[in-house]
Every structure is written in structure tokens, then in C-alpha cells.
Amino acid sequence: MQQQATQAYQQTAKISANPSELEAQLLSKAAAKLLHIKDNWSGSEKLLYPALTYNRKLWSIFLASAAKKDNPMPREIKESIANLGLFVLNHSMKVQTSPSAQKLDVLININREVAAGLRENAS
């Protein structure tokens, strides 16, 4: 499944001229999936695991990219991405082990805020 997420990312990257916009779109998609589950909690719990998995894979890709030696971003930004990514991965595991709709707010807000920042930088 990790390979599918990577392939989807690469295919979309070919279409998108701006990597920041692509990342923003993917984060927004993940946030929308989580919001749908939160808003329809009774009956959508079965969708929780796939949505959390999608979000974790996305953040794992961001983490891997930030960790690459040839990544041109400043060290402080790479460290911030790493810290935020690790928080997202850990919080996702907490949601998965003890599900609640309210716990999704953190992940939704992080994805939305990072997407907004990426879009701002893209323009």
C-alpha cells in the first residue's frame, strides 16, 4: 500500500507543475477523509483505519523527503517537518488504538494548516 501512495504521489506530480500545490492537495484530501469520518462517526468507523493509513503514508513520505541528504530545504524547516510528522504518526496510532471522533480534530487541523501554508508559498 505504501507503494500505491508513492505511485499516486508521483503520478500527480507529473500533472502538477508546483510540488507545494501537490502536497497541499494531498494534505487537503487526507483532511477531507478524516473530516468525513468525524462528521459521520456512527457508521463511518470502518473507514477510520484506511483514512489513518493514508494520512500516515503521506506523512511518512514527507518525513523521508525531509531526511534526504540532497533535500535543499534549510535544516530548521526539515527539523520542523520531522517533528510535526512524528507527532502526526504518534497521534494517528493513539486514534487507532482508542478511536474517538474528537481525536481526529488534531490531524484535520494540522493537515489543513500545513496545506494552507504550502499554498501560500506556492503563489
PDB file of N, CA and C in Angstrom:
ATOM      1  N   MET A   1       0.819  -1.185   0.000  1.00  0.00           N
ATOM      2  CA  MET A   1       0.000   0.000   0.000  1.00  0.00           C
ATOM      3  C   MET A   1       0.868   1.256   0.000  1.00  0.00           C
ATOM      4  N   GLN A   2       2.021   1.200   0.665  1.00  0.00           N
ATOM      5  CA  GLN A   2       2.958   2.318   0.648  1.00  0.00           C
ATOM      6  C   GLN A   2       3.362   2.630  -0.786  1.00  0.00           C
ATOM      7  N   GLN A   3       3.566   1.573  -1.573  1.00  0.00           N
ATOM      8  CA  GLN A   3       3.953   1.751  -2.959  1.00  0.00           C
ATOM      9  C   GLN A   3       2.836   2.447  -3.744  1.00  0.00           C
ATOM     10  N   GLN A   4       1.577   2.110  -3.455  1.00  0.00           N
ATOM     11  CA  GLN A   4       0.454   2.748  -4.138  1.00  0.00           C
ATOM     12  C   GLN A   4       0.396   4.237  -3.822  1.00  0.00           C
ATOM     13  N   ALA A   5       0.621   4.588  -2.571  1.00  0.00           N
ATOM     14  CA  ALA A   5       0.608   6.001  -2.190  1.00  0.00           C
ATOM     15  C   ALA A   5       1.738   6.748  -2.892  1.00  0.00           C
ATOM     16  N   THR A   6       2.902   6.127  -2.961  1.00  0.00           N
ATOM     17  CA  THR A   6       4.040   6.743  -3.629  1.00  0.00           C
ATOM     18  C   THR A   6       3.765   6.902  -5.120  1.00  0.00           C
ATOM     19  N   GLN A   7       3.175   5.878  -5.733  1.00  0.00           N
ATOM     20  CA  GLN A   7       2.854   5.954  -7.163  1.00  0.00           C
ATOM     21  C   GLN A   7       1.816   7.042  -7.431  1.00  0.00           C
ATOM     22  N   ALA A   8       0.814   7.137  -6.574  1.00  0.00           N
ATOM     23  CA  ALA A   8      -0.200   8.182  -6.739  1.00  0.00           C
ATOM     24  C   ALA A   8       0.440   9.556  -6.627  1.00  0.00           C
ATOM     25  N   TYR A   9       1.336   9.698  -5.672  1.00  0.00           N
ATOM     26  CA  TYR A   9       2.058  10.960  -5.481  1.00  0.00           C
ATOM     27  C   TYR A   9       2.856  11.301  -6.730  1.00  0.00           C
ATOM     28  N   GLN A  10       3.573  10.315  -7.280  1.00  0.00           N
ATOM     29  CA  GLN A  10       4.404  10.547  -8.451  1.00  0.00           C
ATOM     30  C   GLN A  10       3.561  10.864  -9.680  1.00  0.00           C
ATOM     31  N   GLN A  11       2.434  10.176  -9.849  1.00  0.00           N
ATOM     32  CA  GLN A  11       1.572  10.436 -10.993  1.00  0.00           C
ATOM     33  C   GLN A  11       0.978  11.832 -10.916  1.00  0.00           C
ATOM     34  N   THR A  12       0.561  12.226  -9.734  1.00  0.00           N
ATOM     35  CA  THR A  12       0.001  13.562  -9.572  1.00  0.00           C
ATOM     36  C   THR A  12       1.086  14.608  -9.760  1.00  0.00           C
ATOM     37  N   ALA A  13       2.307  14.306  -9.343  1.00  0.00           N
ATOM     38  CA  ALA A  13       3.422  15.240  -9.506  1.00  0.00           C
ATOM     39  C   ALA A  13       3.672  15.542 -10.971  1.00  0.00           C
ATOM     40  N   LYS A  14       3.455  14.561 -11.838  1.00  0.00           N
ATOM     41  CA  LYS A  14       3.645  14.778 -13.264  1.00  0.00           C
ATOM     42  C   LYS A  14       2.637  15.789 -13.804  1.00  0.00           C
ATOM     43  N   ILE A  15       1.451  15.786 -13.226  1.00  0.00           N
ATOM     44  CA  ILE A  15       0.389  16.691 -13.668  1.00  0.00           C
ATOM     45  C   ILE A  15       0.592  18.083 -13.089  1.00  0.00           C
ATOM     46  N   SER A  16       0.969  18.143 -11.836  1.00  0.00           N
ATOM     47  CA  SER A  16       1.112  19.403 -11.127  1.00  0.00           C
ATOM     48  C   SER A  16       2.472  20.022 -11.416  1.00  0.00           C
ATOM     49  N   ALA A  17       2.467  21.306 -11.769  1.00  0.00           N
ATOM     50  CA  ALA A  17       3.716  21.982 -12.053  1.00  0.00           C
ATOM     51  C   ALA A  17       4.414  22.410 -10.767  1.00  0.00           C
ATOM     52  N   ASN A  18       3.663  22.508  -9.671  1.00  0.00           N
ATOM     53  CA  ASN A  18       4.216  23.015  -8.432  1.00  0.00           C
ATOM     54  C   ASN A  18       4.131  21.954  -7.334  1.00  0.00           C
ATOM     55  N   PRO A  19       5.271  21.477  -6.846  1.00  0.00           N
ATOM     56  CA  PRO A  19       5.251  20.441  -5.804  1.00  0.00           C
ATOM     57  C   PRO A  19       4.524  20.877  -4.534  1.00  0.00           C
ATOM     58  N   SER A  20       4.631  22.138  -4.172  1.00  0.00           N
ATOM     59  CA  SER A  20       3.940  22.614  -2.964  1.00  0.00           C
ATOM     60  C   SER A  20       2.434  22.508  -3.128  1.00  0.00           C
ATOM     61  N   GLU A  21       1.930  22.819  -4.309  1.00  0.00           N
ATOM     62  CA  GLU A  21       0.494  22.713  -4.551  1.00  0.00           C
ATOM     63  C   GLU A  21       0.054  21.256  -4.499  1.00  0.00           C
ATOM     64  N   LEU A  22       0.858  20.370  -5.050  1.00  0.00           N
ATOM     65  CA  LEU A  22       0.561  18.935  -4.996  1.00  0.00           C
ATOM     66  C   LEU A  22       0.480  18.462  -3.548  1.00  0.00           C
ATOM     67  N   GLU A  23       1.467  18.829  -2.749  1.00  0.00           N
ATOM     68  CA  GLU A  23       1.463  18.430  -1.341  1.00  0.00           C
ATOM     69  C   GLU A  23       0.247  18.994  -0.627  1.00  0.00           C
ATOM     70  N   ALA A  24      -0.112  20.227  -0.936  1.00  0.00           N
ATOM     71  CA  ALA A  24      -1.295  20.848  -0.327  1.00  0.00           C
ATOM     72  C   ALA A  24      -2.564  20.083  -0.708  1.00  0.00           C
ATOM     73  N   GLN A  25      -2.653  19.673  -1.964  1.00  0.00           N
ATOM     74  CA  GLN A  25      -3.822  18.910  -2.411  1.00  0.00           C
ATOM     75  C   GLN A  25      -3.923  17.574  -1.684  1.00  0.00           C
ATOM     76  N   LEU A  26      -2.802  16.897  -1.524  1.00  0.00           N
ATOM     77  CA  LEU A  26      -2.802  15.600  -0.854  1.00  0.00           C
ATOM     78  C   LEU A  26      -3.157  15.743   0.624  1.00  0.00           C
ATOM     79  N   LEU A  27      -2.634  16.772   1.275  1.00  0.00           N
ATOM     80  CA  LEU A  27      -2.980  17.016   2.675  1.00  0.00           C
ATOM     81  C   LEU A  27      -4.458  17.368   2.825  1.00  0.00           C
ATOM     82  N   SER A  28      -4.969  18.147   1.885  1.00  0.00           N
ATOM     83  CA  SER A  28      -6.393  18.503   1.923  1.00  0.00           C
ATOM     84  C   SER A  28      -7.269  17.272   1.723  1.00  0.00           C
ATOM     85  N   LYS A  29      -6.840  16.387   0.854  1.00  0.00           N
ATOM     86  CA  LYS A  29      -7.583  15.137   0.627  1.00  0.00           C
ATOM     87  C   LYS A  29      -7.610  14.303   1.902  1.00  0.00           C
ATOM     88  N   ALA A  30      -6.469  14.188   2.553  1.00  0.00           N
ATOM     89  CA  ALA A  30      -6.404  13.421   3.802  1.00  0.00           C
ATOM     90  C   ALA A  30      -7.287  14.061   4.868  1.00  0.00           C
ATOM     91  N   ALA A  31      -7.253  15.380   4.969  1.00  0.00           N
ATOM     92  CA  ALA A  31      -8.085  16.087   5.946  1.00  0.00           C
ATOM     93  C   ALA A  31      -9.565  15.873   5.647  1.00  0.00           C
ATOM     94  N   ALA A  32      -9.929  15.906   4.374  1.00  0.00           N
ATOM     95  CA  ALA A  32     -11.333  15.704   3.989  1.00  0.00           C
ATOM     96  C   ALA A  32     -11.808  14.303   4.357  1.00  0.00           C
ATOM     97  N   LYS A  33     -10.962  13.306   4.156  1.00  0.00           N
ATOM     98  CA  LYS A  33     -11.326  11.934   4.533  1.00  0.00           C
ATOM     99  C   LYS A  33     -11.577  11.842   6.030  1.00  0.00           C
ATOM    100  N   LEU A  34     -10.674  12.419   6.807  1.00  0.00           N
ATOM    101  CA  LEU A  34     -10.810  12.373   8.268  1.00  0.00           C
ATOM    102  C   LEU A  34     -12.026  13.167   8.742  1.00  0.00           C
ATOM    103  N   LEU A  35     -12.278  14.307   8.107  1.00  0.00           N
ATOM    104  CA  LEU A  35     -13.440  15.113   8.477  1.00  0.00           C
ATOM    105  C   LEU A  35     -14.736  14.374   8.175  1.00  0.00           C
ATOM    106  N   HIS A  36     -14.790  13.696   7.054  1.00  0.00           N
ATOM    107  CA  HIS A  36     -15.983  12.917   6.706  1.00  0.00           C
ATOM    108  C   HIS A  36     -16.257  11.864   7.779  1.00  0.00           C
ATOM    109  N   ILE A  37     -15.218  11.200   8.218  1.00  0.00           N
ATOM    110  CA  ILE A  37     -15.382  10.181   9.260  1.00  0.00           C
ATOM    111  C   ILE A  37     -15.847  10.823  10.553  1.00  0.00           C
ATOM    112  N   LYS A  38     -15.242  11.943  10.917  1.00  0.00           N
ATOM    113  CA  LYS A  38     -15.624  12.633  12.154  1.00  0.00           C
ATOM    114  C   LYS A  38     -17.089  13.071  12.098  1.00  0.00           C
ATOM    115  N   ASP A  39     -17.493  13.653  10.985  1.00  0.00           N
ATOM    116  CA  ASP A  39     -18.860  14.162  10.845  1.00  0.00           C
ATOM    117  C   ASP A  39     -19.902  13.060  10.765  1.00  0.00           C
ATOM    118  N   ASN A  40     -19.496  11.873  10.387  1.00  0.00           N
ATOM    119  CA  ASN A  40     -20.408  10.734  10.245  1.00  0.00           C
ATOM    120  C   ASN A  40     -19.922   9.581  11.121  1.00  0.00           C
ATOM    121  N   TRP A  41     -19.551   9.897  12.343  1.00  0.00           N
ATOM    122  CA  TRP A  41     -18.870   8.933  13.202  1.00  0.00           C
ATOM    123  C   TRP A  41     -19.629   7.623  13.329  1.00  0.00           C
ATOM    124  N   SER A  42     -20.901   7.684  13.655  1.00  0.00           N
ATOM    125  CA  SER A  42     -21.644   6.423  13.756  1.00  0.00           C
ATOM    126  C   SER A  42     -21.907   5.912  12.346  1.00  0.00           C
ATOM    127  N   GLY A  43     -21.222   4.866  11.996  1.00  0.00           N
ATOM    128  CA  GLY A  43     -21.371   4.284  10.667  1.00  0.00           C
ATOM    129  C   GLY A  43     -20.126   4.416   9.813  1.00  0.00           C
ATOM    130  N   SER A  44     -19.215   5.306  10.186  1.00  0.00           N
ATOM    131  CA  SER A  44     -18.001   5.502   9.388  1.00  0.00           C
ATOM    132  C   SER A  44     -16.752   4.960  10.054  1.00  0.00           C
ATOM    133  N   GLU A  45     -16.920   4.343  11.210  1.00  0.00           N
ATOM    134  CA  GLU A  45     -15.741   3.840  11.914  1.00  0.00           C
ATOM    135  C   GLU A  45     -14.937   2.855  11.071  1.00  0.00           C
ATOM    136  N   LYS A  46     -15.611   2.115  10.202  1.00  0.00           N
ATOM    137  CA  LYS A  46     -14.896   1.145   9.367  1.00  0.00           C
ATOM    138  C   LYS A  46     -13.980   1.838   8.355  1.00  0.00           C
ATOM    139  N   LEU A  47     -14.226   3.109   8.102  1.00  0.00           N
ATOM    140  CA  LEU A  47     -13.374   3.879   7.196  1.00  0.00           C
ATOM    141  C   LEU A  47     -12.190   4.516   7.912  1.00  0.00           C
ATOM    142  N   LEU A  48     -12.194   4.452   9.243  1.00  0.00           N
ATOM    143  CA  LEU A  48     -11.155   5.118  10.025  1.00  0.00           C
ATOM    144  C   LEU A  48      -9.768   4.567   9.727  1.00  0.00           C
ATOM    145  N   TYR A  49      -9.619   3.254   9.781  1.00  0.00           N
ATOM    146  CA  TYR A  49      -8.294   2.659   9.583  1.00  0.00           C
ATOM    147  C   TYR A  49      -7.710   3.030   8.210  1.00  0.00           C
ATOM    148  N   PRO A  50      -8.455   2.886   7.107  1.00  0.00           N
ATOM    149  CA  PRO A  50      -7.881   3.274   5.810  1.00  0.00           C
ATOM    150  C   PRO A  50      -7.521   4.767   5.730  1.00  0.00           C
ATOM    151  N   ALA A  51      -8.334   5.619   6.334  1.00  0.00           N
ATOM    152  CA  ALA A  51      -8.038   7.058   6.302  1.00  0.00           C
ATOM    153  C   ALA A  51      -6.791   7.384   7.124  1.00  0.00           C
ATOM    154  N   LEU A  52      -6.663   6.747   8.287  1.00  0.00           N
ATOM    155  CA  LEU A  52      -5.460   6.956   9.098  1.00  0.00           C
ATOM    156  C   LEU A  52      -4.227   6.416   8.390  1.00  0.00           C
ATOM    157  N   THR A  53      -4.372   5.288   7.723  1.00  0.00           N
ATOM    158  CA  THR A  53      -3.261   4.697   6.977  1.00  0.00           C
ATOM    159  C   THR A  53      -2.820   5.624   5.849  1.00  0.00           C
ATOM    160  N   TYR A  54      -3.786   6.171   5.122  1.00  0.00           N
ATOM    161  CA  TYR A  54      -3.479   7.114   4.041  1.00  0.00           C
ATOM    162  C   TYR A  54      -2.708   8.312   4.597  1.00  0.00           C
ATOM    163  N   ASN A  55      -3.188   8.863   5.695  1.00  0.00           N
ATOM    164  CA  ASN A  55      -2.553  10.035   6.296  1.00  0.00           C
ATOM    165  C   ASN A  55      -1.140   9.699   6.791  1.00  0.00           C
ATOM    166  N   ARG A  56      -0.982   8.544   7.414  1.00  0.00           N
ATOM    167  CA  ARG A  56       0.346   8.139   7.890  1.00  0.00           C
ATOM    168  C   ARG A  56       1.318   7.943   6.723  1.00  0.00           C
ATOM    169  N   LYS A  57       0.853   7.355   5.663  1.00  0.00           N
ATOM    170  CA  LYS A  57       1.720   7.145   4.491  1.00  0.00           C
ATOM    171  C   LYS A  57       2.146   8.477   3.888  1.00  0.00           C
ATOM    172  N   LEU A  58       1.218   9.396   3.812  1.00  0.00           N
ATOM    173  CA  LEU A  58       1.521  10.723   3.284  1.00  0.00           C
ATOM    174  C   LEU A  58       2.595  11.396   4.132  1.00  0.00           C
ATOM    175  N   TRP A  59       2.396  11.368   5.444  1.00  0.00           N
ATOM    176  CA  TRP A  59       3.378  11.987   6.332  1.00  0.00           C
ATOM    177  C   TRP A  59       4.700  11.216   6.336  1.00  0.00           C
ATOM    178  N   SER A  60       4.656   9.916   6.129  1.00  0.00           N
ATOM    179  CA  SER A  60       5.896   9.134   6.028  1.00  0.00           C
ATOM    180  C   SER A  60       6.698   9.563   4.807  1.00  0.00           C
ATOM    181  N   ILE A  61       6.010   9.867   3.724  1.00  0.00           N
ATOM    182  CA  ILE A  61       6.688  10.360   2.519  1.00  0.00           C
ATOM    183  C   ILE A  61       7.317  11.715   2.794  1.00  0.00           C
ATOM    184  N   PHE A  62       6.589  12.599   3.489  1.00  0.00           N
ATOM    185  CA  PHE A  62       7.149  13.908   3.839  1.00  0.00           C
ATOM    186  C   PHE A  62       8.387  13.751   4.721  1.00  0.00           C
ATOM    187  N   LEU A  63       8.291  12.847   5.691  1.00  0.00           N
ATOM    188  CA  LEU A  63       9.433  12.597   6.577  1.00  0.00           C
ATOM    189  C   LEU A  63      10.635  12.085   5.798  1.00  0.00           C
ATOM    190  N   ALA A  64      10.410  11.138   4.928  1.00  0.00           N
ATOM    191  CA  ALA A  64      11.503  10.569   4.131  1.00  0.00           C
ATOM    192  C   ALA A  64      12.133  11.637   3.241  1.00  0.00           C
ATOM    193  N   SER A  65      11.306  12.484   2.657  1.00  0.00           N
ATOM    194  CA  SER A  65      11.815  13.548   1.799  1.00  0.00           C
ATOM    195  C   SER A  65      12.644  14.549   2.594  1.00  0.00           C
ATOM    196  N   ALA A  66      12.161  14.901   3.774  1.00  0.00           N
ATOM    197  CA  ALA A  66      12.898  15.856   4.606  1.00  0.00           C
ATOM    198  C   ALA A  66      14.225  15.277   5.087  1.00  0.00           C
ATOM    199  N   ALA A  67      14.298  13.974   5.218  1.00  0.00           N
ATOM    200  CA  ALA A  67      15.510  13.323   5.727  1.00  0.00           C
ATOM    201  C   ALA A  67      16.573  13.101   4.655  1.00  0.00           C
ATOM    202  N   LYS A  68      16.209  13.274   3.403  1.00  0.00           N
ATOM    203  CA  LYS A  68      17.182  13.055   2.329  1.00  0.00           C
ATOM    204  C   LYS A  68      18.308  14.076   2.406  1.00  0.00           C
ATOM    205  N   LYS A  69      19.522  13.593   2.200  1.00  0.00           N
ATOM    206  CA  LYS A  69      20.688  14.474   2.276  1.00  0.00           C
ATOM    207  C   LYS A  69      20.679  15.542   1.192  1.00  0.00           C
ATOM    208  N   ASP A  70      20.080  15.217   0.047  1.00  0.00           N
ATOM    209  CA  ASP A  70      20.074  16.175  -1.055  1.00  0.00           C
ATOM    210  C   ASP A  70      18.872  17.120  -1.017  1.00  0.00           C
ATOM    211  N   ASN A  71      18.094  17.082   0.050  1.00  0.00           N
ATOM    212  CA  ASN A  71      16.963  17.984   0.191  1.00  0.00           C
ATOM    213  C   ASN A  71      17.501  19.397   0.431  1.00  0.00           C
ATOM    214  N   PRO A  72      17.118  20.364  -0.433  1.00  0.00           N
ATOM    215  CA  PRO A  72      17.691  21.711  -0.332  1.00  0.00           C
ATOM    216  C   PRO A  72      17.063  22.601   0.755  1.00  0.00           C
ATOM    217  N   MET A  73      16.038  22.122   1.453  1.00  0.00           N
ATOM    218  CA  MET A  73      15.394  22.956   2.467  1.00  0.00           C
ATOM    219  C   MET A  73      16.364  23.266   3.611  1.00  0.00           C
ATOM    220  N   PRO A  74      16.185  24.411   4.236  1.00  0.00           N
ATOM    221  CA  PRO A  74      17.012  24.731   5.408  1.00  0.00           C
ATOM    222  C   PRO A  74      16.802  23.691   6.521  1.00  0.00           C
ATOM    223  N   ARG A  75      17.835  23.474   7.300  1.00  0.00           N
ATOM    224  CA  ARG A  75      17.818  22.477   8.365  1.00  0.00           C
ATOM    225  C   ARG A  75      16.650  22.699   9.325  1.00  0.00           C
ATOM    226  N   GLU A  76      16.355  23.938   9.673  1.00  0.00           N
ATOM    227  CA  GLU A  76      15.273  24.232  10.615  1.00  0.00           C
ATOM    228  C   GLU A  76      13.920  23.768  10.081  1.00  0.00           C
ATOM    229  N   ILE A  77      13.700  23.950   8.807  1.00  0.00           N
ATOM    230  CA  ILE A  77      12.427  23.535   8.204  1.00  0.00           C
ATOM    231  C   ILE A  77      12.345  22.014   8.168  1.00  0.00           C
ATOM    232  N   LYS A  78      13.441  21.379   7.807  1.00  0.00           N
ATOM    233  CA  LYS A  78      13.454  19.908   7.789  1.00  0.00           C
ATOM    234  C   LYS A  78      13.200  19.348   9.191  1.00  0.00           C
ATOM    235  N   GLU A  79      13.772  19.981  10.199  1.00  0.00           N
ATOM    236  CA  GLU A  79      13.537  19.537  11.574  1.00  0.00           C
ATOM    237  C   GLU A  79      12.080  19.745  11.980  1.00  0.00           C
ATOM    238  N   SER A  80      11.500  20.850  11.569  1.00  0.00           N
ATOM    239  CA  SER A  80      10.089  21.116  11.881  1.00  0.00           C
ATOM    240  C   SER A  80       9.181  20.094  11.218  1.00  0.00           C
ATOM    241  N   ILE A  81       9.472  19.766   9.965  1.00  0.00           N
ATOM    242  CA  ILE A  81       8.694  18.740   9.260  1.00  0.00           C
ATOM    243  C   ILE A  81       8.823  17.411   9.982  1.00  0.00           C
ATOM    244  N   ALA A  82      10.045  17.085  10.383  1.00  0.00           N
ATOM    245  CA  ALA A  82      10.275  15.814  11.083  1.00  0.00           C
ATOM    246  C   ALA A  82       9.505  15.776  12.398  1.00  0.00           C
ATOM    247  N   ASN A  83       9.570  16.840  13.175  1.00  0.00           N
ATOM    248  CA  ASN A  83       8.868  16.875  14.459  1.00  0.00           C
ATOM    249  C   ASN A  83       7.357  16.785  14.274  1.00  0.00           C
ATOM    250  N   LEU A  84       6.837  17.544  13.329  1.00  0.00           N
ATOM    251  CA  LEU A  84       5.398  17.514  13.071  1.00  0.00           C
ATOM    252  C   LEU A  84       4.981  16.149  12.538  1.00  0.00           C
ATOM    253  N   GLY A  85       5.770  15.601  11.641  1.00  0.00           N
ATOM    254  CA  GLY A  85       5.475  14.285  11.084  1.00  0.00           C
ATOM    255  C   GLY A  85       5.458  13.201  12.148  1.00  0.00           C
ATOM    256  N   LEU A  86       6.415  13.234  13.054  1.00  0.00           N
ATOM    257  CA  LEU A  86       6.440  12.243  14.129  1.00  0.00           C
ATOM    258  C   LEU A  86       5.236  12.397  15.051  1.00  0.00           C
ATOM    259  N   PHE A  87       4.850  13.642  15.310  1.00  0.00           N
ATOM    260  CA  PHE A  87       3.655  13.867  16.119  1.00  0.00           C
ATOM    261  C   PHE A  87       2.423  13.281  15.425  1.00  0.00           C
ATOM    262  N   VAL A  88       2.290  13.547  14.126  1.00  0.00           N
ATOM    263  CA  VAL A  88       1.144  13.033  13.367  1.00  0.00           C
ATOM    264  C   VAL A  88       1.115  11.510  13.406  1.00  0.00           C
ATOM    265  N   LEU A  89       2.256  10.879  13.203  1.00  0.00           N
ATOM    266  CA  LEU A  89       2.308   9.416  13.224  1.00  0.00           C
ATOM    267  C   LEU A  89       1.933   8.871  14.602  1.00  0.00           C
ATOM    268  N   ASN A  90       2.464   9.482  15.647  1.00  0.00           N
ATOM    269  CA  ASN A  90       2.143   9.031  17.007  1.00  0.00           C
ATOM    270  C   ASN A  90       0.682   9.258  17.356  1.00  0.00           C
ATOM    271  N   HIS A  91       0.165  10.422  17.002  1.00  0.00           N
ATOM    272  CA  HIS A  91      -1.241  10.712  17.307  1.00  0.00           C
ATOM    273  C   HIS A  91      -2.167   9.782  16.524  1.00  0.00           C
ATOM    274  N   SER A  92      -1.791   9.488  15.300  1.00  0.00           N
ATOM    275  CA  SER A  92      -2.604   8.559  14.490  1.00  0.00           C
ATOM    276  C   SER A  92      -2.700   7.196  15.162  1.00  0.00           C
ATOM    277  N   MET A  93      -1.603   6.744  15.731  1.00  0.00           N
ATOM    278  CA  MET A  93      -1.620   5.458  16.432  1.00  0.00           C
ATOM    279  C   MET A  93      -2.511   5.517  17.668  1.00  0.00           C
ATOM    280  N   LYS A  94      -2.493   6.651  18.362  1.00  0.00           N
ATOM    281  CA  LYS A  94      -3.369   6.822  19.527  1.00  0.00           C
ATOM    282  C   LYS A  94      -4.834   6.787  19.114  1.00  0.00           C
ATOM    283  N   VAL A  95      -5.153   7.430  17.996  1.00  0.00           N
ATOM    284  CA  VAL A  95      -6.532   7.423  17.492  1.00  0.00           C
ATOM    285  C   VAL A  95      -6.938   6.005  17.120  1.00  0.00           C
ATOM    286  N   GLN A  96      -6.028   5.305  16.498  1.00  0.00           N
ATOM    287  CA  GLN A  96      -6.335   3.946  16.058  1.00  0.00           C
ATOM    288  C   GLN A  96      -6.547   3.004  17.239  1.00  0.00           C
ATOM    289  N   THR A  97      -5.760   3.156  18.287  1.00  0.00           N
ATOM    290  CA  THR A  97      -5.881   2.251  19.430  1.00  0.00           C
ATOM    291  C   THR A  97      -7.043   2.606  20.343  1.00  0.00           C
ATOM    292  N   SER A  98      -7.419   3.879  20.354  1.00  0.00           N
ATOM    293  CA  SER A  98      -8.545   4.327  21.180  1.00  0.00           C
ATOM    294  C   SER A  98      -9.360   5.338  20.373  1.00  0.00           C
ATOM    295  N   PRO A  99     -10.152   4.857  19.415  1.00  0.00           N
ATOM    296  CA  PRO A  99     -10.844   5.750  18.481  1.00  0.00           C
ATOM    297  C   PRO A  99     -11.856   6.680  19.149  1.00  0.00           C
ATOM    298  N   SER A 100     -11.840   7.918  18.694  1.00  0.00           N
ATOM    299  CA  SER A 100     -12.881   8.881  19.045  1.00  0.00           C
ATOM    300  C   SER A 100     -12.889   9.965  17.974  1.00  0.00           C
ATOM    301  N   ALA A 101     -14.062  10.468  17.695  1.00  0.00           N
ATOM    302  CA  ALA A 101     -14.213  11.488  16.653  1.00  0.00           C
ATOM    303  C   ALA A 101     -13.430  12.750  17.003  1.00  0.00           C
ATOM    304  N   GLN A 102     -13.420  13.119  18.275  1.00  0.00           N
ATOM    305  CA  GLN A 102     -12.751  14.349  18.693  1.00  0.00           C
ATOM    306  C   GLN A 102     -11.242  14.294  18.481  1.00  0.00           C
ATOM    307  N   LYS A 103     -10.653  13.120  18.576  1.00  0.00           N
ATOM    308  CA  LYS A 103      -9.213  12.990  18.378  1.00  0.00           C
ATOM    309  C   LYS A 103      -8.799  13.272  16.935  1.00  0.00           C
ATOM    310  N   LEU A 104      -9.740  13.219  16.025  1.00  0.00           N
ATOM    311  CA  LEU A 104      -9.428  13.483  14.618  1.00  0.00           C
ATOM    312  C   LEU A 104      -9.187  14.966  14.356  1.00  0.00           C
ATOM    313  N   ASP A 105      -9.726  15.828  15.226  1.00  0.00           N
ATOM    314  CA  ASP A 105      -9.569  17.272  15.030  1.00  0.00           C
ATOM    315  C   ASP A 105      -8.115  17.686  14.873  1.00  0.00           C
ATOM    316  N   VAL A 106      -7.241  17.121  15.683  1.00  0.00           N
ATOM    317  CA  VAL A 106      -5.820  17.482  15.639  1.00  0.00           C
ATOM    318  C   VAL A 106      -5.238  17.178  14.259  1.00  0.00           C
ATOM    319  N   LEU A 107      -5.496  15.993  13.753  1.00  0.00           N
ATOM    320  CA  LEU A 107      -4.960  15.610  12.448  1.00  0.00           C
ATOM    321  C   LEU A 107      -5.560  16.455  11.326  1.00  0.00           C
ATOM    322  N   ILE A 108      -6.850  16.695  11.408  1.00  0.00           N
ATOM    323  CA  ILE A 108      -7.524  17.522  10.394  1.00  0.00           C
ATOM    324  C   ILE A 108      -6.926  18.921  10.375  1.00  0.00           C
ATOM    325  N   ASN A 109      -6.777  19.514  11.557  1.00  0.00           N
ATOM    326  CA  ASN A 109      -6.250  20.881  11.645  1.00  0.00           C
ATOM    327  C   ASN A 109      -4.807  20.976  11.176  1.00  0.00           C
ATOM    328  N   ILE A 110      -3.979  20.010  11.553  1.00  0.00           N
ATOM    329  CA  ILE A 110      -2.586  20.029  11.099  1.00  0.00           C
ATOM    330  C   ILE A 110      -2.533  19.957   9.580  1.00  0.00           C
ATOM    331  N   ASN A 111      -3.266  19.024   8.996  1.00  0.00           N
ATOM    332  CA  ASN A 111      -3.245  18.888   7.535  1.00  0.00           C
ATOM    333  C   ASN A 111      -3.733  20.159   6.854  1.00  0.00           C
ATOM    334  N   ARG A 112      -4.807  20.742   7.369  1.00  0.00           N
ATOM    335  CA  ARG A 112      -5.339  21.968   6.761  1.00  0.00           C
ATOM    336  C   ARG A 112      -4.361  23.131   6.878  1.00  0.00           C
ATOM    337  N   GLU A 113      -3.762  23.294   8.043  1.00  0.00           N
ATOM    338  CA  GLU A 113      -2.837  24.408   8.254  1.00  0.00           C
ATOM    339  C   GLU A 113      -1.581  24.266   7.399  1.00  0.00           C
ATOM    340  N   VAL A 114      -1.039  23.077   7.337  1.00  0.00           N
ATOM    341  CA  VAL A 114       0.153  22.857   6.506  1.00  0.00           C
ATOM    342  C   VAL A 114      -0.206  23.053   5.031  1.00  0.00           C
ATOM    343  N   ALA A 115      -1.368  22.556   4.617  1.00  0.00           N
ATOM    344  CA  ALA A 115      -1.806  22.757   3.224  1.00  0.00           C
ATOM    345  C   ALA A 115      -1.947  24.244   2.908  1.00  0.00           C
ATOM    346  N   ALA A 116      -2.522  25.014   3.823  1.00  0.00           N
ATOM    347  CA  ALA A 116      -2.673  26.448   3.603  1.00  0.00           C
ATOM    348  C   ALA A 116      -1.310  27.126   3.480  1.00  0.00           C
ATOM    349  N   GLY A 117      -0.366  26.731   4.318  1.00  0.00           N
ATOM    350  CA  GLY A 117       0.977  27.293   4.226  1.00  0.00           C
ATOM    351  C   GLY A 117       1.674  26.939   2.914  1.00  0.00           C
ATOM    352  N   LEU A 118       1.487  25.718   2.474  1.00  0.00           N
ATOM    353  CA  LEU A 118       2.075  25.301   1.201  1.00  0.00           C
ATOM    354  C   LEU A 118       1.473  26.075   0.034  1.00  0.00           C
ATOM    355  N   ARG A 119       0.183  26.287   0.090  1.00  0.00           N
ATOM    356  CA  ARG A 119      -0.468  27.053  -0.990  1.00  0.00           C
ATOM    357  C   ARG A 119      -0.003  28.485  -0.997  1.00  0.00           C
ATOM    358  N   GLU A 120       0.171  29.034   0.189  1.00  0.00           N
ATOM    359  CA  GLU A 120       0.664  30.418   0.293  1.00  0.00           C
ATOM    360  C   GLU A 120       2.057  30.541  -0.306  1.00  0.00           C
ATOM    361  N   ASN A 121       2.903  29.566  -0.020  1.00  0.00           N
ATOM    362  CA  ASN A 121       4.261  29.577  -0.556  1.00  0.00           C
ATOM    363  C   ASN A 121       4.278  29.320  -2.059  1.00  0.00           C
ATOM    364  N   ALA A 122       3.297  28.580  -2.546  1.00  0.00           N
ATOM    365  CA  ALA A 122       3.253  28.252  -3.975  1.00  0.00           C
ATOM    366  C   ALA A 122       2.877  29.452  -4.827  1.00  0.00           C
ATOM    367  N   SER A 123       2.144  30.387  -4.214  1.00  0.00           N
ATOM    368  CA  SER A 123       1.682  31.534  -5.019  1.00  0.00           C
ATOM    369  C   SER A 123       2.609  32.709  -4.955  1.00  0.00           C
TER     370      SER A 123
END
